[in-house]
């Protein structure tokens, strides 16, 4: 059903990685952290639009991008020589004649094949806001709020998930294990490694996040608008950071490995 897959800037794969598939059963073999699961994730996203069981459009994150590519981009912005925003591209080349409506040369090889292209790219409609952002030369992370996920056939036609002729089912028992492992590790740090004074220091630092969030001029403007236009309840409606309990900060923390949240490893 699938002849080959090309993956660009997705997770471990910097630039473009290509894998040719055999007809029938394929088995991926390799050392840990070489990208075997990432290949399967990429194919599944391109065919279903799902990441971790959720719609990829709601799960866009800079951690889906190759870290080296993102770091290079951020450095270029802060140095005043901003390179174009990075993008993710997954191309799925169909094997044989699956659906003629997907045939065309809108692919990296510029040759006629049946297939589809999934991309996470910068949305040009945000150009003015984006240009104002990079002009500050103080970027800390990829501005993922200006990105969108799109699907097109090799015939240059926009496609929907339901119309894709090849279906994918991914059984991944690692998702829960990773998240659970991250939670357990955070709990162990809190219970076994940190002193009561250090726990208090973390809690206070987390509380400062609320103050910074509320004092941000853009948040003040948004909260004013929400409060003025909200007719759902009587009183002042506003956005803030959840500090409902003394240890609310524990639910906001994630374990990182080499600056990447554990769930994205």
C-alpha atoms as a PDB file:
ATOM      1  CA  UNK A   1       0.000   0.000   0.000  1.00  0.00           C
ATOM      2  CA  UNK A   2       2.870   2.396   0.825  1.00  0.00           C
ATOM      3  CA  UNK A   3       5.978   2.437  -1.362  1.00  0.00           C
ATOM      4  CA  UNK A   4       8.116   4.896   0.576  1.00  0.00           C
ATOM      5  CA  UNK A   5       7.971   7.691   3.124  1.00  0.00           C
ATOM      6  CA  UNK A   6       9.970  10.911   3.360  1.00  0.00           C
ATOM      7  CA  UNK A   7      10.194  12.687   6.709  1.00  0.00           C
ATOM      8  CA  UNK A   8      11.607  16.198   7.071  1.00  0.00           C
ATOM      9  CA  UNK A   9      12.416  17.934  10.399  1.00  0.00           C
ATOM     10  CA  UNK A  10      10.143  15.677  12.449  1.00  0.00           C
ATOM     11  CA  UNK A  11      11.615  14.858  15.862  1.00  0.00           C
ATOM     12  CA  UNK A  12      14.931  12.992  15.453  1.00  0.00           C
ATOM     13  CA  UNK A  13      14.994  13.433  11.675  1.00  0.00           C
ATOM     14  CA  UNK A  14      16.835  16.605  10.743  1.00  0.00           C
ATOM     15  CA  UNK A  15      16.443  17.593   7.107  1.00  0.00           C
ATOM     16  CA  UNK A  16      14.958  14.744   5.010  1.00  0.00           C
ATOM     17  CA  UNK A  17      14.957  11.047   5.886  1.00  0.00           C
ATOM     18  CA  UNK A  18      13.667   8.486   3.379  1.00  0.00           C
ATOM     19  CA  UNK A  19      12.598   4.901   3.987  1.00  0.00           C
ATOM     20  CA  UNK A  20      11.599   2.430   1.282  1.00  0.00           C
ATOM     21  CA  UNK A  21       9.018  -0.156   2.312  1.00  0.00           C
ATOM     22  CA  UNK A  22       8.526  -3.688   1.064  1.00  0.00           C
ATOM     23  CA  UNK A  23       5.171  -5.006  -0.045  1.00  0.00           C
ATOM     24  CA  UNK A  24       3.504  -6.905   2.759  1.00  0.00           C
ATOM     25  CA  UNK A  25       5.099  -7.122   6.189  1.00  0.00           C
ATOM     26  CA  UNK A  26       7.850  -4.708   7.231  1.00  0.00           C
ATOM     27  CA  UNK A  27       9.904  -4.972  10.419  1.00  0.00           C
ATOM     28  CA  UNK A  28      11.988  -2.045  11.681  1.00  0.00           C
ATOM     29  CA  UNK A  29      15.127  -3.070  13.554  1.00  0.00           C
ATOM     30  CA  UNK A  30      17.666  -0.770  15.167  1.00  0.00           C
ATOM     31  CA  UNK A  31      19.225   0.535  18.350  1.00  0.00           C
ATOM     32  CA  UNK A  32      17.304   2.588  20.888  1.00  0.00           C
ATOM     33  CA  UNK A  33      16.710   6.263  20.031  1.00  0.00           C
ATOM     34  CA  UNK A  34      17.383   5.798  16.318  1.00  0.00           C
ATOM     35  CA  UNK A  35      13.856   6.778  15.243  1.00  0.00           C
ATOM     36  CA  UNK A  36      11.981   3.507  14.695  1.00  0.00           C
ATOM     37  CA  UNK A  37       8.898   4.660  16.600  1.00  0.00           C
ATOM     38  CA  UNK A  38       9.172   8.113  15.046  1.00  0.00           C
ATOM     39  CA  UNK A  39       8.835   6.602  11.566  1.00  0.00           C
ATOM     40  CA  UNK A  40       5.615   4.885  12.624  1.00  0.00           C
ATOM     41  CA  UNK A  41       4.362   8.056  14.306  1.00  0.00           C
ATOM     42  CA  UNK A  42       5.025  10.062  11.148  1.00  0.00           C
ATOM     43  CA  UNK A  43       3.130   7.621   8.941  1.00  0.00           C
ATOM     44  CA  UNK A  44       0.234   7.487  11.394  1.00  0.00           C
ATOM     45  CA  UNK A  45      -0.013  11.282  11.632  1.00  0.00           C
ATOM     46  CA  UNK A  46       0.021  11.671   7.860  1.00  0.00           C
ATOM     47  CA  UNK A  47      -2.722   9.075   7.364  1.00  0.00           C
ATOM     48  CA  UNK A  48      -4.984   9.854  10.325  1.00  0.00           C
ATOM     49  CA  UNK A  49      -4.171  13.315  11.663  1.00  0.00           C
ATOM     50  CA  UNK A  50      -3.813  11.813  15.128  1.00  0.00           C
ATOM     51  CA  UNK A  51      -0.918  12.201  17.546  1.00  0.00           C
ATOM     52  CA  UNK A  52      -1.136  10.323  20.827  1.00  0.00           C
ATOM     53  CA  UNK A  53      -4.780   9.618  20.047  1.00  0.00           C
ATOM     54  CA  UNK A  54      -5.638  13.313  19.661  1.00  0.00           C
ATOM     55  CA  UNK A  55      -6.107  15.598  16.669  1.00  0.00           C
ATOM     56  CA  UNK A  56      -2.673  16.866  15.642  1.00  0.00           C
ATOM     57  CA  UNK A  57      -4.106  20.343  15.020  1.00  0.00           C
ATOM     58  CA  UNK A  58      -4.741  20.593  18.770  1.00  0.00           C
ATOM     59  CA  UNK A  59      -1.359  19.115  19.685  1.00  0.00           C
ATOM     60  CA  UNK A  60       1.026  21.333  17.714  1.00  0.00           C
ATOM     61  CA  UNK A  61       4.216  21.807  19.688  1.00  0.00           C
ATOM     62  CA  UNK A  62       7.772  22.885  19.006  1.00  0.00           C
ATOM     63  CA  UNK A  63       8.811  19.475  20.358  1.00  0.00           C
ATOM     64  CA  UNK A  64       7.440  17.840  17.216  1.00  0.00           C
ATOM     65  CA  UNK A  65      10.215  19.635  15.338  1.00  0.00           C
ATOM     66  CA  UNK A  66      13.830  18.515  15.216  1.00  0.00           C
ATOM     67  CA  UNK A  67      15.498  20.227  18.169  1.00  0.00           C
ATOM     68  CA  UNK A  68      18.642  21.215  16.282  1.00  0.00           C
ATOM     69  CA  UNK A  69      16.566  22.878  13.564  1.00  0.00           C
ATOM     70  CA  UNK A  70      14.563  24.821  16.158  1.00  0.00           C
ATOM     71  CA  UNK A  71      17.684  25.918  18.072  1.00  0.00           C
ATOM     72  CA  UNK A  72      19.326  27.134  14.873  1.00  0.00           C
ATOM     73  CA  UNK A  73      16.203  29.085  13.944  1.00  0.00           C
ATOM     74  CA  UNK A  74      15.886  30.752  17.377  1.00  0.00           C
ATOM     75  CA  UNK A  75      19.577  31.699  17.340  1.00  0.00           C
ATOM     76  CA  UNK A  76      19.152  33.277  13.902  1.00  0.00           C
ATOM     77  CA  UNK A  77      16.211  35.373  15.088  1.00  0.00           C
ATOM     78  CA  UNK A  78      18.027  36.604  18.186  1.00  0.00           C
ATOM     79  CA  UNK A  79      21.129  37.469  16.169  1.00  0.00           C
ATOM     80  CA  UNK A  80      19.098  39.672  13.820  1.00  0.00           C
ATOM     81  CA  UNK A  81      19.444  37.443  10.757  1.00  0.00           C
ATOM     82  CA  UNK A  82      16.222  35.454  11.042  1.00  0.00           C
ATOM     83  CA  UNK A  83      16.008  32.439   8.765  1.00  0.00           C
ATOM     84  CA  UNK A  84      12.557  31.283   7.574  1.00  0.00           C
ATOM     85  CA  UNK A  85      10.428  29.519  10.200  1.00  0.00           C
ATOM     86  CA  UNK A  86      11.139  25.762  10.108  1.00  0.00           C
ATOM     87  CA  UNK A  87       8.513  23.346   8.853  1.00  0.00           C
ATOM     88  CA  UNK A  88       7.695  19.651   9.088  1.00  0.00           C
ATOM     89  CA  UNK A  89       6.858  17.637   5.991  1.00  0.00           C
ATOM     90  CA  UNK A  90       5.834  13.975   5.744  1.00  0.00           C
ATOM     91  CA  UNK A  91       5.351  12.560   2.259  1.00  0.00           C
ATOM     92  CA  UNK A  92       3.642   9.196   1.779  1.00  0.00           C
ATOM     93  CA  UNK A  93       4.147   7.614  -1.641  1.00  0.00           C
ATOM     94  CA  UNK A  94       1.464   5.066  -2.502  1.00  0.00           C
ATOM     95  CA  UNK A  95       2.367   1.730  -4.029  1.00  0.00           C
ATOM     96  CA  UNK A  96       0.742   1.043  -7.389  1.00  0.00           C
ATOM     97  CA  UNK A  97      -2.635   2.498  -8.324  1.00  0.00           C
ATOM     98  CA  UNK A  98      -4.501   3.252  -5.103  1.00  0.00           C
ATOM     99  CA  UNK A  99      -6.392   6.398  -6.083  1.00  0.00           C
ATOM    100  CA  UNK A 100      -5.745   8.298  -9.357  1.00  0.00           C
ATOM    101  CA  UNK A 101      -7.007  11.514  -7.748  1.00  0.00           C
ATOM    102  CA  UNK A 102      -3.847  11.519  -5.627  1.00  0.00           C
ATOM    103  CA  UNK A 103      -1.491  11.322  -8.615  1.00  0.00           C
ATOM    104  CA  UNK A 104       0.679  14.300  -9.479  1.00  0.00           C
ATOM    105  CA  UNK A 105       4.131  15.847  -9.103  1.00  0.00           C
ATOM    106  CA  UNK A 106       3.517  17.982  -6.016  1.00  0.00           C
ATOM    107  CA  UNK A 107       6.221  16.169  -4.086  1.00  0.00           C
ATOM    108  CA  UNK A 108       9.902  16.607  -3.312  1.00  0.00           C
ATOM    109  CA  UNK A 109      10.915  14.526  -6.343  1.00  0.00           C
ATOM    110  CA  UNK A 110       8.821  16.600  -8.762  1.00  0.00           C
ATOM    111  CA  UNK A 111       7.812  13.396 -10.555  1.00  0.00           C
ATOM    112  CA  UNK A 112       4.383  11.827 -11.064  1.00  0.00           C
ATOM    113  CA  UNK A 113       3.378   9.561  -8.169  1.00  0.00           C
ATOM    114  CA  UNK A 114       0.274   8.791  -6.182  1.00  0.00           C
ATOM    115  CA  UNK A 115       0.565  10.033  -2.643  1.00  0.00           C
ATOM    116  CA  UNK A 116      -0.054  12.766  -0.123  1.00  0.00           C
ATOM    117  CA  UNK A 117       1.867  15.406   1.751  1.00  0.00           C
ATOM    118  CA  UNK A 118       1.322  16.369   5.378  1.00  0.00           C
ATOM    119  CA  UNK A 119       2.885  19.626   6.562  1.00  0.00           C
ATOM    120  CA  UNK A 120       3.158  21.739   9.687  1.00  0.00           C
ATOM    121  CA  UNK A 121       4.072  25.169   8.384  1.00  0.00           C
ATOM    122  CA  UNK A 122       3.975  28.849   9.237  1.00  0.00           C
ATOM    123  CA  UNK A 123       0.656  30.458   8.307  1.00  0.00           C
ATOM    124  CA  UNK A 124       1.362  33.559   6.238  1.00  0.00           C
ATOM    125  CA  UNK A 125      -1.770  35.325   7.485  1.00  0.00           C
ATOM    126  CA  UNK A 126       0.148  36.015  10.707  1.00  0.00           C
ATOM    127  CA  UNK A 127       3.043  37.706   8.905  1.00  0.00           C
ATOM    128  CA  UNK A 128       2.520  41.141  10.461  1.00  0.00           C
ATOM    129  CA  UNK A 129       2.388  39.797  14.010  1.00  0.00           C
ATOM    130  CA  UNK A 130       5.314  37.511  13.307  1.00  0.00           C
ATOM    131  CA  UNK A 131       7.487  40.291  11.899  1.00  0.00           C
ATOM    132  CA  UNK A 132       6.801  42.387  14.984  1.00  0.00           C
ATOM    133  CA  UNK A 133       7.766  39.438  17.173  1.00  0.00           C
ATOM    134  CA  UNK A 134      11.100  38.673  15.519  1.00  0.00           C
ATOM    135  CA  UNK A 135      11.997  42.372  15.436  1.00  0.00           C
ATOM    136  CA  UNK A 136      12.380  42.218  19.221  1.00  0.00           C
ATOM    137  CA  UNK A 137      15.247  39.692  18.853  1.00  0.00           C
ATOM    138  CA  UNK A 138      14.236  38.038  22.091  1.00  0.00           C
ATOM    139  CA  UNK A 139      12.701  34.740  21.026  1.00  0.00           C
ATOM    140  CA  UNK A 140      12.700  31.917  23.573  1.00  0.00           C
ATOM    141  CA  UNK A 141      10.714  29.266  21.723  1.00  0.00           C
ATOM    142  CA  UNK A 142       9.208  28.474  18.343  1.00  0.00           C
ATOM    143  CA  UNK A 143       6.063  30.636  17.809  1.00  0.00           C
ATOM    144  CA  UNK A 144       3.884  27.590  17.274  1.00  0.00           C
ATOM    145  CA  UNK A 145       0.703  29.671  17.607  1.00  0.00           C
ATOM    146  CA  UNK A 146       1.379  30.917  14.063  1.00  0.00           C
ATOM    147  CA  UNK A 147       1.549  27.402  12.586  1.00  0.00           C
ATOM    148  CA  UNK A 148      -1.035  25.166  10.932  1.00  0.00           C
ATOM    149  CA  UNK A 149      -1.285  21.519   9.834  1.00  0.00           C
ATOM    150  CA  UNK A 150      -2.354  20.797   6.240  1.00  0.00           C
ATOM    151  CA  UNK A 151      -2.805  17.832   3.912  1.00  0.00           C
ATOM    152  CA  UNK A 152      -2.524  17.927   0.120  1.00  0.00           C
ATOM    153  CA  UNK A 153      -2.459  15.227  -2.503  1.00  0.00           C
ATOM    154  CA  UNK A 154       0.379  14.991  -4.987  1.00  0.00           C
ATOM    155  CA  UNK A 155      -2.232  16.362  -7.415  1.00  0.00           C
ATOM    156  CA  UNK A 156      -2.125  19.682  -5.473  1.00  0.00           C
ATOM    157  CA  UNK A 157      -5.592  19.206  -4.003  1.00  0.00           C
ATOM    158  CA  UNK A 158      -6.454  19.748  -0.353  1.00  0.00           C
ATOM    159  CA  UNK A 159      -7.623  16.499   1.206  1.00  0.00           C
ATOM    160  CA  UNK A 160      -9.452  15.575   4.377  1.00  0.00           C
ATOM    161  CA  UNK A 161      -8.529  12.772   6.738  1.00  0.00           C
ATOM    162  CA  UNK A 162     -11.650  10.833   5.798  1.00  0.00           C
ATOM    163  CA  UNK A 163     -10.806  10.924   2.107  1.00  0.00           C
ATOM    164  CA  UNK A 164      -7.315   9.393   2.467  1.00  0.00           C
ATOM    165  CA  UNK A 165      -7.563   5.942   0.821  1.00  0.00           C
ATOM    166  CA  UNK A 166      -5.070   4.219   3.159  1.00  0.00           C
ATOM    167  CA  UNK A 167      -6.001   3.731   6.799  1.00  0.00           C
ATOM    168  CA  UNK A 168      -3.702   3.392   9.799  1.00  0.00           C
ATOM    169  CA  UNK A 169      -4.116   1.771  13.214  1.00  0.00           C
ATOM    170  CA  UNK A 170      -1.313   2.343  15.710  1.00  0.00           C
ATOM    171  CA  UNK A 171      -1.102   0.368  18.942  1.00  0.00           C
ATOM    172  CA  UNK A 172       1.470   2.081  21.131  1.00  0.00           C
ATOM    173  CA  UNK A 173       1.717   0.923  24.713  1.00  0.00           C
ATOM    174  CA  UNK A 174       4.628   3.297  25.337  1.00  0.00           C
ATOM    175  CA  UNK A 175       2.523   6.481  25.528  1.00  0.00           C
ATOM    176  CA  UNK A 176       1.077   5.728  28.930  1.00  0.00           C
ATOM    177  CA  UNK A 177       4.315   4.250  30.178  1.00  0.00           C
ATOM    178  CA  UNK A 178       6.279   7.396  29.300  1.00  0.00           C
ATOM    179  CA  UNK A 179       3.755   9.723  30.887  1.00  0.00           C
ATOM    180  CA  UNK A 180       3.454   7.509  33.939  1.00  0.00           C
ATOM    181  CA  UNK A 181       7.233   7.298  34.191  1.00  0.00           C
ATOM    182  CA  UNK A 182       7.479  11.078  34.014  1.00  0.00           C
ATOM    183  CA  UNK A 183       4.875  11.474  36.767  1.00  0.00           C
ATOM    184  CA  UNK A 184       6.639   8.927  38.943  1.00  0.00           C
ATOM    185  CA  UNK A 185       9.977  10.656  38.488  1.00  0.00           C
ATOM    186  CA  UNK A 186       8.557  14.066  39.410  1.00  0.00           C
ATOM    187  CA  UNK A 187       6.974  12.506  42.490  1.00  0.00           C
ATOM    188  CA  UNK A 188      10.272  10.891  43.450  1.00  0.00           C
ATOM    189  CA  UNK A 189      12.146  14.180  43.123  1.00  0.00           C
ATOM    190  CA  UNK A 190       9.615  15.918  45.353  1.00  0.00           C
ATOM    191  CA  UNK A 191       9.417  13.193  47.979  1.00  0.00           C
ATOM    192  CA  UNK A 192      12.976  11.903  48.107  1.00  0.00           C
ATOM    193  CA  UNK A 193      15.340  14.588  46.880  1.00  0.00           C
ATOM    194  CA  UNK A 194      13.941  18.011  47.761  1.00  0.00           C
ATOM    195  CA  UNK A 195      13.996  19.491  51.256  1.00  0.00           C
ATOM    196  CA  UNK A 196      10.921  21.298  52.624  1.00  0.00           C
ATOM    197  CA  UNK A 197      12.716  24.590  51.966  1.00  0.00           C
ATOM    198  CA  UNK A 198      13.358  23.630  48.321  1.00  0.00           C
ATOM    199  CA  UNK A 199       9.724  22.595  47.865  1.00  0.00           C
ATOM    200  CA  UNK A 200       8.677  26.000  49.184  1.00  0.00           C
ATOM    201  CA  UNK A 201      11.124  27.717  46.797  1.00  0.00           C
ATOM    202  CA  UNK A 202       9.666  25.868  43.811  1.00  0.00           C
ATOM    203  CA  UNK A 203       6.139  26.716  44.924  1.00  0.00           C
ATOM    204  CA  UNK A 204       7.024  30.410  45.228  1.00  0.00           C
ATOM    205  CA  UNK A 205       8.705  30.436  41.813  1.00  0.00           C
ATOM    206  CA  UNK A 206       5.568  28.879  40.344  1.00  0.00           C
ATOM    207  CA  UNK A 207       3.445  31.551  42.018  1.00  0.00           C
ATOM    208  CA  UNK A 208       5.575  34.248  40.369  1.00  0.00           C
ATOM    209  CA  UNK A 209       4.511  32.777  37.030  1.00  0.00           C
ATOM    210  CA  UNK A 210       0.952  33.797  37.888  1.00  0.00           C
ATOM    211  CA  UNK A 211       2.011  37.345  38.709  1.00  0.00           C
ATOM    212  CA  UNK A 212       4.008  37.637  35.485  1.00  0.00           C
ATOM    213  CA  UNK A 213       1.122  36.213  33.461  1.00  0.00           C
ATOM    214  CA  UNK A 214      -1.464  38.549  34.956  1.00  0.00           C
ATOM    215  CA  UNK A 215       0.766  41.627  34.643  1.00  0.00           C
ATOM    216  CA  UNK A 216       1.488  41.046  30.957  1.00  0.00           C
ATOM    217  CA  UNK A 217      -0.038  43.907  28.958  1.00  0.00           C
ATOM    218  CA  UNK A 218      -1.552  41.593  26.347  1.00  0.00           C
ATOM    219  CA  UNK A 219      -3.236  39.475  29.050  1.00  0.00           C
ATOM    220  CA  UNK A 220      -4.576  42.610  30.739  1.00  0.00           C
ATOM    221  CA  UNK A 221      -6.113  43.724  27.445  1.00  0.00           C
ATOM    222  CA  UNK A 222      -7.586  40.282  26.802  1.00  0.00           C
ATOM    223  CA  UNK A 223      -9.037  40.033  30.310  1.00  0.00           C
ATOM    224  CA  UNK A 224     -10.612  43.476  29.948  1.00  0.00           C
ATOM    225  CA  UNK A 225     -12.258  42.416  26.699  1.00  0.00           C
ATOM    226  CA  UNK A 226     -13.433  39.097  28.128  1.00  0.00           C
ATOM    227  CA  UNK A 227     -14.921  40.781  31.164  1.00  0.00           C
ATOM    228  CA  UNK A 228     -16.661  43.468  29.126  1.00  0.00           C
ATOM    229  CA  UNK A 229     -18.141  41.108  26.534  1.00  0.00           C
ATOM    230  CA  UNK A 230     -18.999  38.137  28.727  1.00  0.00           C
ATOM    231  CA  UNK A 231     -22.714  37.780  29.334  1.00  0.00           C
ATOM    232  CA  UNK A 232     -22.571  34.245  30.725  1.00  0.00           C
ATOM    233  CA  UNK A 233     -22.181  35.190  34.385  1.00  0.00           C
ATOM    234  CA  UNK A 234     -22.359  38.258  36.583  1.00  0.00           C
ATOM    235  CA  UNK A 235     -18.981  39.480  37.743  1.00  0.00           C
ATOM    236  CA  UNK A 236     -15.473  39.740  36.350  1.00  0.00           C
ATOM    237  CA  UNK A 237     -14.292  36.960  34.030  1.00  0.00           C
ATOM    238  CA  UNK A 238     -10.548  36.641  33.389  1.00  0.00           C
ATOM    239  CA  UNK A 239      -7.763  34.264  32.454  1.00  0.00           C
ATOM    240  CA  UNK A 240      -5.151  33.284  35.018  1.00  0.00           C
ATOM    241  CA  UNK A 241      -2.808  30.464  36.051  1.00  0.00           C
ATOM    242  CA  UNK A 242      -4.214  27.650  38.180  1.00  0.00           C
ATOM    243  CA  UNK A 243      -2.831  27.803  41.704  1.00  0.00           C
ATOM    244  CA  UNK A 244      -5.781  26.089  43.310  1.00  0.00           C
ATOM    245  CA  UNK A 245      -3.806  24.065  45.842  1.00  0.00           C
ATOM    246  CA  UNK A 246      -0.561  24.407  47.753  1.00  0.00           C
ATOM    247  CA  UNK A 247       1.105  21.848  45.490  1.00  0.00           C
ATOM    248  CA  UNK A 248      -0.595  22.911  42.246  1.00  0.00           C
ATOM    249  CA  UNK A 249       2.855  23.426  40.736  1.00  0.00           C
ATOM    250  CA  UNK A 250       3.445  19.647  40.742  1.00  0.00           C
ATOM    251  CA  UNK A 251       0.837  19.211  38.001  1.00  0.00           C
ATOM    252  CA  UNK A 252       2.550  21.875  35.890  1.00  0.00           C
ATOM    253  CA  UNK A 253       5.977  20.241  35.889  1.00  0.00           C
ATOM    254  CA  UNK A 254       7.285  17.752  33.358  1.00  0.00           C
ATOM    255  CA  UNK A 255      10.509  15.811  33.269  1.00  0.00           C
ATOM    256  CA  UNK A 256      12.892  16.782  30.463  1.00  0.00           C
ATOM    257  CA  UNK A 257      15.709  14.859  28.836  1.00  0.00           C
ATOM    258  CA  UNK A 258      18.151  17.061  26.919  1.00  0.00           C
ATOM    259  CA  UNK A 259      15.593  19.913  26.994  1.00  0.00           C
ATOM    260  CA  UNK A 260      12.830  17.771  25.460  1.00  0.00           C
ATOM    261  CA  UNK A 261       9.771  16.821  27.585  1.00  0.00           C
ATOM    262  CA  UNK A 262       9.850  13.129  28.397  1.00  0.00           C
ATOM    263  CA  UNK A 263       6.564  12.423  26.631  1.00  0.00           C
ATOM    264  CA  UNK A 264       8.048  13.612  23.334  1.00  0.00           C
ATOM    265  CA  UNK A 265      11.244  11.520  23.531  1.00  0.00           C
END
